[in-house]
């Protein structure tokens, strides 16, 4: 079973997270940040990864630690659930339109962490959620998952739409990359290891 359970306890956050890569996109989560919960619900639905998440973070400070640490925990969960990555497609990409916004993403579960994030938000916040944390979340995810992740938003005019398009596009890219390839019998690399 391609599943993982992660517990991450720091002085700033306590996180309990479970994923099933072969799920249906179900989610049961609570981060204390309504907009972030919305983004993660969309992520689960479009990646088809079941996600259970409970976070107790230092929201009296702000949302930074909560969002970054969830990214790290989710990345670790993917690394654990993928194991040696035998049989996966490895790469995924998706171009997602959302009203006036277009988000493009590409991912490689290569074992080499790197994030390229080209997205500008026309506003600083959606409600009380600081939109610069979208980058922080994906940075934490890429580092912990050991993946190359490229996000590009060539245009968009609404902060909510830009964030949502990014989460959905990356979810769809991940869905393609972690899918089992019936033609791949081993590790999808000439090196024999990822």
N, C-alpha and C. Protein backbone atom coordinates (compact mmCIF):
# COMPACT_ATOMS: atom_id res chain seq x y z
N UNK A 1 0.85 -1.19 0.00
CA UNK A 1 0.00 0.00 0.00
C UNK A 1 0.88 1.24 0.00
N UNK A 2 0.53 2.18 -0.85
CA UNK A 2 1.32 3.41 -0.96
C UNK A 2 0.71 4.47 -0.04
N UNK A 3 0.98 4.29 1.24
CA UNK A 3 0.43 5.16 2.26
C UNK A 3 1.56 5.65 3.16
N UNK A 4 1.26 6.68 3.94
CA UNK A 4 2.24 7.19 4.90
C UNK A 4 1.51 7.90 6.03
N UNK A 5 2.13 7.83 7.20
CA UNK A 5 1.67 8.59 8.37
C UNK A 5 2.86 9.38 8.88
N UNK A 6 2.64 10.66 9.08
CA UNK A 6 3.70 11.55 9.54
C UNK A 6 3.23 12.26 10.80
N UNK A 7 4.10 12.31 11.80
CA UNK A 7 3.88 13.15 12.98
C UNK A 7 5.05 14.11 13.08
N UNK A 8 4.76 15.36 13.12
CA UNK A 8 5.81 16.38 13.20
C UNK A 8 5.48 17.30 14.36
N UNK A 9 6.33 17.29 15.36
CA UNK A 9 6.14 18.12 16.55
C UNK A 9 7.31 19.08 16.70
N UNK A 10 7.02 20.36 16.71
CA UNK A 10 8.03 21.37 16.98
C UNK A 10 7.47 22.30 18.06
N UNK A 11 8.24 23.29 18.45
CA UNK A 11 7.76 24.29 19.41
C UNK A 11 6.72 25.20 18.77
N UNK A 12 6.58 25.11 17.43
CA UNK A 12 5.66 25.99 16.72
C UNK A 12 4.42 25.28 16.19
N UNK A 13 4.56 24.00 15.86
CA UNK A 13 3.42 23.26 15.29
C UNK A 13 3.43 21.80 15.73
N UNK A 14 2.23 21.24 15.82
CA UNK A 14 2.06 19.80 16.02
C UNK A 14 1.18 19.33 14.87
N UNK A 15 1.72 18.39 14.10
CA UNK A 15 1.05 17.96 12.87
C UNK A 15 0.87 16.45 12.87
N UNK A 16 -0.34 16.01 12.54
CA UNK A 16 -0.65 14.60 12.30
C UNK A 16 -1.20 14.51 10.88
N UNK A 17 -0.54 13.75 10.03
CA UNK A 17 -0.89 13.73 8.62
C UNK A 17 -0.85 12.30 8.10
N UNK A 18 -1.84 11.93 7.30
CA UNK A 18 -1.88 10.62 6.64
C UNK A 18 -2.25 10.83 5.18
N UNK A 19 -1.60 10.05 4.30
CA UNK A 19 -1.97 10.09 2.88
C UNK A 19 -2.08 8.67 2.34
N UNK A 20 -2.89 8.55 1.30
CA UNK A 20 -3.01 7.32 0.51
C UNK A 20 -2.93 7.76 -0.95
N UNK A 21 -1.81 7.40 -1.60
CA UNK A 21 -1.60 7.83 -2.98
C UNK A 21 -2.62 7.24 -3.93
N UNK A 22 -3.22 6.13 -3.56
CA UNK A 22 -4.18 5.45 -4.43
C UNK A 22 -5.61 5.64 -3.94
N UNK A 23 -5.87 6.82 -3.42
CA UNK A 23 -7.18 7.11 -2.86
C UNK A 23 -8.16 7.63 -3.89
N UNK A 24 -9.15 8.32 -3.39
CA UNK A 24 -10.21 8.88 -4.23
C UNK A 24 -10.23 10.40 -4.20
N UNK A 25 -9.33 10.99 -3.42
CA UNK A 25 -9.32 12.44 -3.27
C UNK A 25 -10.08 12.93 -2.06
N UNK A 26 -10.39 12.01 -1.14
CA UNK A 26 -11.11 12.39 0.08
C UNK A 26 -10.17 13.16 1.01
N UNK A 27 -10.75 14.07 1.76
CA UNK A 27 -9.95 14.84 2.72
C UNK A 27 -10.72 15.06 4.01
N UNK A 28 -9.96 15.06 5.09
CA UNK A 28 -10.47 15.37 6.42
C UNK A 28 -9.37 16.16 7.09
N UNK A 29 -9.53 17.49 7.13
CA UNK A 29 -8.40 18.28 7.58
C UNK A 29 -8.82 19.51 8.34
N UNK A 30 -7.89 19.95 9.18
CA UNK A 30 -8.10 21.16 9.95
C UNK A 30 -6.74 21.76 10.27
N UNK A 31 -6.47 22.95 9.70
CA UNK A 31 -5.21 23.63 9.97
C UNK A 31 -5.39 24.88 10.81
N UNK A 32 -6.64 25.30 10.99
CA UNK A 32 -6.90 26.56 11.68
C UNK A 32 -6.89 27.75 10.75
N UNK A 33 -6.58 27.51 9.47
CA UNK A 33 -6.55 28.57 8.45
C UNK A 33 -7.55 28.19 7.36
N UNK A 34 -8.68 28.85 7.33
CA UNK A 34 -9.77 28.47 6.43
C UNK A 34 -9.37 28.44 4.97
N UNK A 35 -8.64 29.44 4.50
CA UNK A 35 -8.25 29.48 3.09
C UNK A 35 -7.29 28.34 2.77
N UNK A 36 -6.37 28.05 3.69
CA UNK A 36 -5.41 26.96 3.51
C UNK A 36 -6.14 25.62 3.48
N UNK A 37 -7.12 25.44 4.35
CA UNK A 37 -7.94 24.22 4.31
C UNK A 37 -8.60 24.07 2.94
N UNK A 38 -9.09 25.18 2.41
CA UNK A 38 -9.72 25.17 1.08
C UNK A 38 -8.73 24.70 0.01
N UNK A 39 -7.51 25.24 0.04
CA UNK A 39 -6.48 24.87 -0.94
C UNK A 39 -6.11 23.39 -0.81
N UNK A 40 -5.97 22.90 0.40
CA UNK A 40 -5.59 21.49 0.61
C UNK A 40 -6.72 20.54 0.23
N UNK A 41 -7.96 20.96 0.43
CA UNK A 41 -9.11 20.16 -0.01
C UNK A 41 -9.09 20.02 -1.53
N UNK A 42 -8.82 21.13 -2.22
CA UNK A 42 -8.70 21.10 -3.67
C UNK A 42 -7.53 20.22 -4.10
N UNK A 43 -6.42 20.32 -3.37
CA UNK A 43 -5.24 19.51 -3.69
C UNK A 43 -5.58 18.02 -3.62
N UNK A 44 -6.22 17.61 -2.54
CA UNK A 44 -6.59 16.20 -2.38
C UNK A 44 -7.52 15.76 -3.50
N UNK A 45 -8.53 16.55 -3.77
CA UNK A 45 -9.52 16.19 -4.79
C UNK A 45 -8.91 16.01 -6.17
N UNK A 46 -8.02 16.91 -6.54
CA UNK A 46 -7.46 16.88 -7.90
C UNK A 46 -6.26 15.95 -8.03
N UNK A 47 -5.59 15.65 -6.94
CA UNK A 47 -4.48 14.68 -7.00
C UNK A 47 -4.98 13.25 -6.86
N UNK A 48 -6.22 13.10 -6.35
CA UNK A 48 -6.79 11.79 -6.00
C UNK A 48 -6.01 11.12 -4.87
N UNK A 49 -5.34 11.93 -4.07
CA UNK A 49 -4.62 11.45 -2.88
C UNK A 49 -5.52 11.70 -1.68
N UNK A 50 -5.84 10.66 -0.93
CA UNK A 50 -6.60 10.85 0.30
C UNK A 50 -5.70 11.54 1.32
N UNK A 51 -6.24 12.53 2.01
CA UNK A 51 -5.46 13.33 2.94
C UNK A 51 -6.21 13.52 4.25
N UNK A 52 -5.58 13.09 5.33
CA UNK A 52 -6.07 13.38 6.68
C UNK A 52 -5.02 14.25 7.34
N UNK A 53 -5.46 15.35 7.93
CA UNK A 53 -4.51 16.31 8.48
C UNK A 53 -5.12 17.04 9.66
N UNK A 54 -4.37 17.08 10.74
CA UNK A 54 -4.76 17.88 11.90
C UNK A 54 -3.53 18.66 12.35
N UNK A 55 -3.70 19.96 12.49
CA UNK A 55 -2.59 20.84 12.84
C UNK A 55 -2.97 21.71 14.02
N UNK A 56 -2.06 21.81 14.97
CA UNK A 56 -2.16 22.79 16.04
C UNK A 56 -0.93 23.67 15.91
N UNK A 57 -1.12 24.88 15.37
CA UNK A 57 0.02 25.76 15.11
C UNK A 57 -0.07 27.05 15.89
N UNK A 58 1.03 27.80 15.86
CA UNK A 58 1.10 29.07 16.60
C UNK A 58 0.47 30.20 15.79
N UNK A 59 -0.81 30.06 15.56
CA UNK A 59 -1.52 31.05 14.75
C UNK A 59 -1.63 32.41 15.44
N UNK A 60 -1.34 32.45 16.74
CA UNK A 60 -1.32 33.74 17.42
C UNK A 60 -0.15 34.59 16.91
N UNK A 61 0.86 33.94 16.33
CA UNK A 61 1.97 34.66 15.71
C UNK A 61 1.56 35.05 14.29
N UNK A 62 1.35 34.05 13.46
CA UNK A 62 0.79 34.18 12.12
C UNK A 62 0.69 32.79 11.51
N UNK A 63 0.39 32.69 10.22
CA UNK A 63 0.21 31.38 9.60
C UNK A 63 1.47 30.76 9.03
N UNK A 64 2.59 31.48 9.11
CA UNK A 64 3.80 31.03 8.42
C UNK A 64 4.25 29.63 8.84
N UNK A 65 4.43 29.42 10.13
CA UNK A 65 4.93 28.12 10.59
C UNK A 65 3.98 26.98 10.24
N UNK A 66 2.69 27.23 10.39
CA UNK A 66 1.70 26.21 10.06
C UNK A 66 1.79 25.81 8.60
N UNK A 67 1.80 26.78 7.70
CA UNK A 67 1.79 26.49 6.27
C UNK A 67 3.10 25.82 5.84
N UNK A 68 4.22 26.37 6.27
CA UNK A 68 5.52 25.79 5.89
C UNK A 68 5.67 24.37 6.43
N UNK A 69 5.30 24.16 7.69
CA UNK A 69 5.47 22.84 8.30
C UNK A 69 4.53 21.80 7.70
N UNK A 70 3.34 22.21 7.29
CA UNK A 70 2.46 21.27 6.58
C UNK A 70 3.09 20.89 5.24
N UNK A 71 3.69 21.85 4.55
CA UNK A 71 4.39 21.53 3.31
C UNK A 71 5.49 20.51 3.53
N UNK A 72 6.25 20.69 4.58
CA UNK A 72 7.33 19.75 4.91
C UNK A 72 6.76 18.37 5.24
N UNK A 73 5.73 18.33 6.07
CA UNK A 73 5.13 17.05 6.46
C UNK A 73 4.52 16.33 5.27
N UNK A 74 3.84 17.08 4.39
CA UNK A 74 3.24 16.47 3.20
C UNK A 74 4.33 15.95 2.27
N UNK A 75 5.41 16.70 2.10
CA UNK A 75 6.52 16.23 1.28
C UNK A 75 7.13 14.94 1.84
N UNK A 76 7.33 14.89 3.14
CA UNK A 76 7.87 13.68 3.76
C UNK A 76 6.93 12.49 3.56
N UNK A 77 5.64 12.76 3.65
CA UNK A 77 4.66 11.69 3.45
C UNK A 77 4.74 11.14 2.03
N UNK A 78 4.89 12.01 1.05
CA UNK A 78 5.03 11.54 -0.33
C UNK A 78 6.30 10.72 -0.49
N UNK A 79 7.41 11.20 0.07
CA UNK A 79 8.67 10.45 -0.04
C UNK A 79 8.52 9.06 0.58
N UNK A 80 7.86 9.00 1.74
CA UNK A 80 7.66 7.72 2.42
C UNK A 80 6.74 6.80 1.62
N UNK A 81 5.63 7.34 1.13
CA UNK A 81 4.65 6.52 0.41
C UNK A 81 5.19 6.03 -0.93
N UNK A 82 6.06 6.82 -1.57
CA UNK A 82 6.62 6.41 -2.86
C UNK A 82 7.75 5.39 -2.72
N UNK A 83 8.38 5.35 -1.56
CA UNK A 83 9.44 4.37 -1.33
C UNK A 83 10.55 4.48 -2.35
N UNK A 84 10.87 3.37 -3.02
CA UNK A 84 11.94 3.40 -4.02
C UNK A 84 11.46 3.92 -5.37
N UNK A 85 10.19 4.24 -5.47
CA UNK A 85 9.56 4.83 -6.67
C UNK A 85 9.46 3.84 -7.83
N UNK A 86 9.57 2.59 -7.54
CA UNK A 86 9.47 1.57 -8.59
C UNK A 86 8.09 1.63 -9.24
N UNK A 87 8.08 1.67 -10.56
CA UNK A 87 6.84 1.57 -11.32
C UNK A 87 6.08 2.86 -11.53
N UNK A 88 6.55 3.99 -10.96
CA UNK A 88 5.80 5.23 -11.15
C UNK A 88 6.19 5.89 -12.47
N UNK A 89 5.35 6.82 -12.90
CA UNK A 89 5.66 7.57 -14.12
C UNK A 89 6.78 8.58 -13.88
N UNK A 90 6.92 9.06 -12.67
CA UNK A 90 7.98 9.96 -12.22
C UNK A 90 7.72 11.42 -12.58
N UNK A 91 7.35 11.71 -13.80
CA UNK A 91 7.13 13.07 -14.28
C UNK A 91 5.63 13.35 -14.41
N UNK A 92 5.29 14.60 -14.19
CA UNK A 92 3.92 15.03 -14.44
C UNK A 92 3.90 16.51 -14.77
N UNK A 93 2.95 16.92 -15.57
CA UNK A 93 2.79 18.33 -15.88
C UNK A 93 1.32 18.60 -16.16
N UNK A 94 0.92 19.85 -15.94
CA UNK A 94 -0.47 20.20 -16.18
C UNK A 94 -0.59 21.71 -16.37
N UNK A 95 -1.40 22.10 -17.32
CA UNK A 95 -1.73 23.51 -17.55
C UNK A 95 -3.19 23.68 -17.19
N UNK A 96 -3.46 24.58 -16.23
CA UNK A 96 -4.81 24.71 -15.70
C UNK A 96 -5.33 26.13 -15.86
N UNK A 97 -6.43 26.30 -16.61
CA UNK A 97 -7.06 27.61 -16.69
C UNK A 97 -8.09 27.77 -15.56
N UNK A 98 -8.14 28.95 -15.01
CA UNK A 98 -9.19 29.26 -14.04
C UNK A 98 -9.60 30.71 -14.25
N UNK A 99 -10.70 30.87 -14.95
CA UNK A 99 -11.18 32.21 -15.31
C UNK A 99 -10.07 33.00 -16.00
N UNK A 100 -9.63 34.11 -15.40
CA UNK A 100 -8.62 34.96 -16.04
C UNK A 100 -7.19 34.49 -15.82
N UNK A 101 -7.02 33.42 -15.06
CA UNK A 101 -5.71 32.94 -14.63
C UNK A 101 -5.31 31.66 -15.35
N UNK A 102 -4.03 31.54 -15.63
CA UNK A 102 -3.47 30.30 -16.17
C UNK A 102 -2.31 29.88 -15.28
N UNK A 103 -2.33 28.63 -14.81
CA UNK A 103 -1.23 28.10 -14.01
C UNK A 103 -0.66 26.87 -14.70
N UNK A 104 0.66 26.84 -14.77
CA UNK A 104 1.38 25.71 -15.37
C UNK A 104 2.27 25.10 -14.29
N UNK A 105 2.34 23.78 -14.28
CA UNK A 105 3.25 23.13 -13.33
C UNK A 105 3.85 21.89 -13.96
N UNK A 106 5.05 21.57 -13.50
CA UNK A 106 5.73 20.35 -13.91
C UNK A 106 6.50 19.83 -12.72
N UNK A 107 6.51 18.50 -12.55
CA UNK A 107 7.16 17.89 -11.40
C UNK A 107 7.95 16.66 -11.82
N UNK A 108 9.06 16.44 -11.13
CA UNK A 108 9.89 15.26 -11.33
C UNK A 108 10.27 14.75 -9.94
N UNK A 109 9.80 13.55 -9.59
CA UNK A 109 10.18 12.94 -8.31
C UNK A 109 11.55 12.29 -8.47
N UNK A 110 12.55 13.13 -8.65
CA UNK A 110 13.90 12.72 -9.00
C UNK A 110 14.77 12.40 -7.79
N UNK A 111 14.36 12.84 -6.62
CA UNK A 111 15.23 12.74 -5.45
C UNK A 111 16.07 13.99 -5.26
N UNK A 112 15.98 14.93 -6.20
CA UNK A 112 16.74 16.17 -6.12
C UNK A 112 15.76 17.33 -5.91
N UNK A 113 15.76 17.92 -4.73
CA UNK A 113 14.79 18.99 -4.45
C UNK A 113 15.16 20.30 -5.13
N UNK A 114 14.18 20.90 -5.78
CA UNK A 114 14.36 22.22 -6.37
C UNK A 114 12.98 22.80 -6.66
N UNK A 115 12.81 24.06 -6.36
CA UNK A 115 11.55 24.75 -6.66
C UNK A 115 11.84 25.97 -7.52
N UNK A 116 11.12 26.09 -8.62
CA UNK A 116 11.06 27.33 -9.39
C UNK A 116 9.61 27.81 -9.27
N UNK A 117 9.43 29.01 -8.76
CA UNK A 117 8.09 29.53 -8.49
C UNK A 117 7.96 30.90 -9.12
N UNK A 118 7.29 30.96 -10.24
CA UNK A 118 7.07 32.22 -10.96
C UNK A 118 5.59 32.56 -10.91
N UNK A 119 5.20 33.23 -9.86
CA UNK A 119 3.81 33.66 -9.71
C UNK A 119 3.79 34.96 -8.93
N UNK A 120 3.08 35.90 -9.46
CA UNK A 120 2.92 37.19 -8.78
C UNK A 120 1.45 37.36 -8.41
N UNK A 121 1.23 37.79 -7.19
CA UNK A 121 -0.14 38.00 -6.70
C UNK A 121 -0.46 39.49 -6.71
N UNK A 122 -1.65 39.86 -7.19
CA UNK A 122 -2.00 41.28 -7.25
C UNK A 122 -2.37 41.86 -5.89
N UNK A 123 -2.58 41.00 -4.91
CA UNK A 123 -2.89 41.43 -3.55
C UNK A 123 -2.01 40.65 -2.59
N UNK A 124 -1.88 41.13 -1.36
CA UNK A 124 -1.04 40.44 -0.37
C UNK A 124 -1.78 39.33 0.34
N UNK A 125 -3.10 39.47 0.47
CA UNK A 125 -3.87 38.53 1.27
C UNK A 125 -5.19 38.17 0.61
N UNK A 126 -5.66 36.97 0.94
CA UNK A 126 -7.04 36.60 0.69
C UNK A 126 -7.64 36.37 2.07
N UNK A 127 -8.56 37.24 2.46
CA UNK A 127 -9.03 37.22 3.85
C UNK A 127 -7.85 37.51 4.75
N UNK A 128 -7.58 36.62 5.70
CA UNK A 128 -6.44 36.80 6.60
C UNK A 128 -5.23 35.97 6.16
N UNK A 129 -5.34 35.27 5.02
CA UNK A 129 -4.27 34.40 4.56
C UNK A 129 -3.26 35.18 3.73
N UNK A 130 -2.00 35.13 4.15
CA UNK A 130 -0.91 35.82 3.46
C UNK A 130 -0.49 35.00 2.25
N UNK A 131 -0.66 35.54 1.06
CA UNK A 131 -0.43 34.78 -0.18
C UNK A 131 1.03 34.45 -0.44
N UNK A 132 1.97 35.14 0.23
CA UNK A 132 3.37 34.75 0.05
C UNK A 132 3.64 33.36 0.64
N UNK A 133 2.72 32.87 1.47
CA UNK A 133 2.87 31.54 2.06
C UNK A 133 2.64 30.42 1.05
N UNK A 134 2.02 30.73 -0.09
CA UNK A 134 1.84 29.71 -1.13
C UNK A 134 3.21 29.23 -1.59
N UNK A 135 4.13 30.16 -1.84
CA UNK A 135 5.50 29.81 -2.21
C UNK A 135 6.17 29.01 -1.09
N UNK A 136 6.01 29.44 0.15
CA UNK A 136 6.64 28.75 1.29
C UNK A 136 6.15 27.30 1.41
N UNK A 137 4.86 27.10 1.17
CA UNK A 137 4.31 25.75 1.24
C UNK A 137 4.97 24.84 0.21
N UNK A 138 5.04 25.31 -1.04
CA UNK A 138 5.60 24.46 -2.09
C UNK A 138 7.10 24.28 -1.94
N UNK A 139 7.79 25.28 -1.37
CA UNK A 139 9.22 25.11 -1.09
C UNK A 139 9.43 24.00 -0.06
N UNK A 140 8.65 24.03 1.01
CA UNK A 140 8.75 22.97 2.02
C UNK A 140 8.42 21.61 1.44
N UNK A 141 7.40 21.55 0.60
CA UNK A 141 7.02 20.29 -0.03
C UNK A 141 8.13 19.76 -0.92
N UNK A 142 8.66 20.59 -1.81
CA UNK A 142 9.70 20.16 -2.75
C UNK A 142 10.93 19.67 -2.02
N UNK A 143 11.36 20.40 -0.99
CA UNK A 143 12.54 20.00 -0.23
C UNK A 143 12.34 18.65 0.43
N UNK A 144 11.20 18.46 1.08
CA UNK A 144 10.97 17.23 1.85
C UNK A 144 10.63 16.04 0.96
N UNK A 145 9.96 16.28 -0.15
CA UNK A 145 9.61 15.19 -1.07
C UNK A 145 10.79 14.78 -1.94
N UNK A 146 11.77 15.68 -2.08
CA UNK A 146 12.89 15.42 -2.96
C UNK A 146 12.47 15.46 -4.41
N UNK A 147 11.76 16.50 -4.78
CA UNK A 147 11.27 16.61 -6.16
C UNK A 147 11.67 17.95 -6.76
N UNK A 148 11.79 17.97 -8.06
CA UNK A 148 11.86 19.21 -8.83
C UNK A 148 10.43 19.65 -9.07
N UNK A 149 10.12 20.88 -8.73
CA UNK A 149 8.78 21.40 -8.96
C UNK A 149 8.90 22.78 -9.59
N UNK A 150 8.29 22.94 -10.74
CA UNK A 150 8.27 24.23 -11.43
C UNK A 150 6.83 24.71 -11.52
N UNK A 151 6.60 25.92 -11.05
CA UNK A 151 5.27 26.54 -11.09
C UNK A 151 5.40 27.85 -11.84
N UNK A 152 4.53 28.05 -12.81
CA UNK A 152 4.57 29.26 -13.59
C UNK A 152 3.13 29.76 -13.81
N UNK A 153 2.93 31.02 -13.47
CA UNK A 153 1.63 31.66 -13.73
C UNK A 153 1.89 32.84 -14.65
N UNK A 154 1.71 32.65 -15.96
CA UNK A 154 2.03 33.73 -16.89
C UNK A 154 1.08 34.92 -16.78
N UNK A 155 -0.15 34.67 -16.33
CA UNK A 155 -1.07 35.78 -16.14
C UNK A 155 -2.19 35.37 -15.18
N UNK A 156 -2.74 36.37 -14.54
CA UNK A 156 -3.85 36.18 -13.60
C UNK A 156 -4.12 37.49 -12.90
N UNK A 157 -5.36 37.73 -12.56
CA UNK A 157 -5.71 39.01 -11.96
C UNK A 157 -6.36 38.94 -10.61
N UNK A 158 -6.59 37.74 -10.09
CA UNK A 158 -7.31 37.57 -8.83
C UNK A 158 -6.48 36.66 -7.93
N UNK A 159 -6.15 37.14 -6.73
CA UNK A 159 -5.28 36.38 -5.82
C UNK A 159 -5.82 35.01 -5.46
N UNK A 160 -7.12 34.92 -5.22
CA UNK A 160 -7.75 33.64 -4.91
C UNK A 160 -7.61 32.68 -6.09
N UNK A 161 -7.91 33.17 -7.28
CA UNK A 161 -7.84 32.33 -8.47
C UNK A 161 -6.41 31.86 -8.74
N UNK A 162 -5.43 32.73 -8.55
CA UNK A 162 -4.03 32.36 -8.79
C UNK A 162 -3.61 31.25 -7.85
N UNK A 163 -3.90 31.40 -6.55
CA UNK A 163 -3.55 30.37 -5.58
C UNK A 163 -4.26 29.06 -5.89
N UNK A 164 -5.55 29.14 -6.16
CA UNK A 164 -6.34 27.94 -6.43
C UNK A 164 -5.85 27.24 -7.69
N UNK A 165 -5.54 28.00 -8.73
CA UNK A 165 -5.05 27.40 -9.96
C UNK A 165 -3.72 26.70 -9.73
N UNK A 166 -2.85 27.29 -8.90
CA UNK A 166 -1.56 26.65 -8.58
C UNK A 166 -1.78 25.34 -7.87
N UNK A 167 -2.60 25.33 -6.82
CA UNK A 167 -2.82 24.09 -6.07
C UNK A 167 -3.44 23.01 -6.95
N UNK A 168 -4.38 23.38 -7.80
CA UNK A 168 -5.02 22.39 -8.67
C UNK A 168 -4.05 21.89 -9.74
N UNK A 169 -3.29 22.78 -10.34
CA UNK A 169 -2.34 22.38 -11.37
C UNK A 169 -1.27 21.44 -10.80
N UNK A 170 -0.70 21.81 -9.66
CA UNK A 170 0.32 20.95 -9.05
C UNK A 170 -0.29 19.61 -8.64
N UNK A 171 -1.50 19.62 -8.13
CA UNK A 171 -2.17 18.37 -7.78
C UNK A 171 -2.29 17.46 -8.99
N UNK A 172 -2.70 18.02 -10.11
CA UNK A 172 -2.84 17.22 -11.33
C UNK A 172 -1.48 16.72 -11.84
N UNK A 173 -0.44 17.53 -11.70
CA UNK A 173 0.90 17.09 -12.07
C UNK A 173 1.37 15.94 -11.20
N UNK A 174 1.12 16.08 -9.90
CA UNK A 174 1.50 15.01 -8.95
C UNK A 174 0.72 13.74 -9.26
N UNK A 175 -0.55 13.89 -9.53
CA UNK A 175 -1.38 12.72 -9.86
C UNK A 175 -0.77 11.93 -11.02
N UNK A 176 -0.35 12.64 -12.06
CA UNK A 176 0.26 11.97 -13.21
C UNK A 176 1.60 11.34 -12.85
N UNK A 177 2.41 12.03 -12.04
CA UNK A 177 3.76 11.56 -11.73
C UNK A 177 3.78 10.33 -10.83
N UNK A 178 2.86 10.25 -9.87
CA UNK A 178 2.89 9.13 -8.92
C UNK A 178 2.08 7.94 -9.41
N UNK A 179 1.38 8.13 -10.53
CA UNK A 179 0.59 7.04 -11.09
C UNK A 179 1.50 5.87 -11.49
N UNK A 180 1.02 4.69 -11.27
CA UNK A 180 1.78 3.51 -11.68
C UNK A 180 1.68 3.33 -13.19
N UNK A 181 2.81 3.11 -13.83
CA UNK A 181 2.90 2.97 -15.27
C UNK A 181 2.96 1.48 -15.61
N UNK A 182 1.96 0.93 -16.28
CA UNK A 182 1.95 -0.50 -16.56
C UNK A 182 3.12 -0.96 -17.44
N UNK A 183 3.79 -0.03 -18.12
CA UNK A 183 4.93 -0.39 -18.96
C UNK A 183 6.26 -0.29 -18.23
N UNK A 184 6.23 0.27 -17.00
CA UNK A 184 7.46 0.45 -16.22
C UNK A 184 7.59 -0.67 -15.20
N UNK A 185 8.60 -1.49 -15.34
CA UNK A 185 8.76 -2.63 -14.43
C UNK A 185 9.76 -2.37 -13.33
N UNK A 186 10.49 -1.27 -13.42
CA UNK A 186 11.51 -0.99 -12.41
C UNK A 186 11.51 0.45 -12.00
N UNK A 187 12.69 0.95 -11.68
CA UNK A 187 12.87 2.35 -11.31
C UNK A 187 12.94 3.18 -12.60
N UNK A 188 12.16 4.25 -12.72
CA UNK A 188 12.14 5.02 -13.96
C UNK A 188 13.35 5.94 -14.11
N UNK A 189 14.53 5.32 -14.20
CA UNK A 189 15.77 6.07 -14.37
C UNK A 189 16.83 5.14 -14.94
N UNK A 190 17.69 5.66 -15.81
CA UNK A 190 18.80 4.87 -16.32
C UNK A 190 19.82 4.57 -15.23
N UNK A 191 19.78 5.33 -14.12
CA UNK A 191 20.69 5.11 -13.01
C UNK A 191 20.30 3.89 -12.18
N UNK A 192 19.03 3.50 -12.30
CA UNK A 192 18.53 2.37 -11.51
C UNK A 192 18.13 2.74 -10.10
N UNK A 193 18.22 4.01 -9.77
CA UNK A 193 17.83 4.47 -8.44
C UNK A 193 17.41 5.94 -8.54
N UNK A 194 16.43 6.31 -7.74
CA UNK A 194 16.00 7.71 -7.64
C UNK A 194 16.09 8.15 -6.19
